[in-house]
């Protein structure tokens, strides 16, 4: 079973999302981050379930449903690791 690794940019994005949501509702921020982390860690059991974005480098995305818009995880499967590269808000501009 592959292990899930969160990159520094992904962790920084998690923190930014947490800070933004905490200004609106601290409980909302906690629930959102828990859901994002839970979904990211769940890639350990079935890493191929995310849609392929770029075939050449194996970039994939996983939609995290939360509220009206949710979040998107960009990740890659590298040997025995699932590397979470970035965490985007659903409305945030991101590479396609």
Foldseek 3Di string as FASTA:
>chain_A
DAFEAEDPQAVVQLVVQLVVVVVVPNVLSVVQSVQVVVVRRVCLVPVPPFDADDPVQQWGKDFRDDPPFGKIWIWHDDPRYIYTYHIGTRPDDDDD
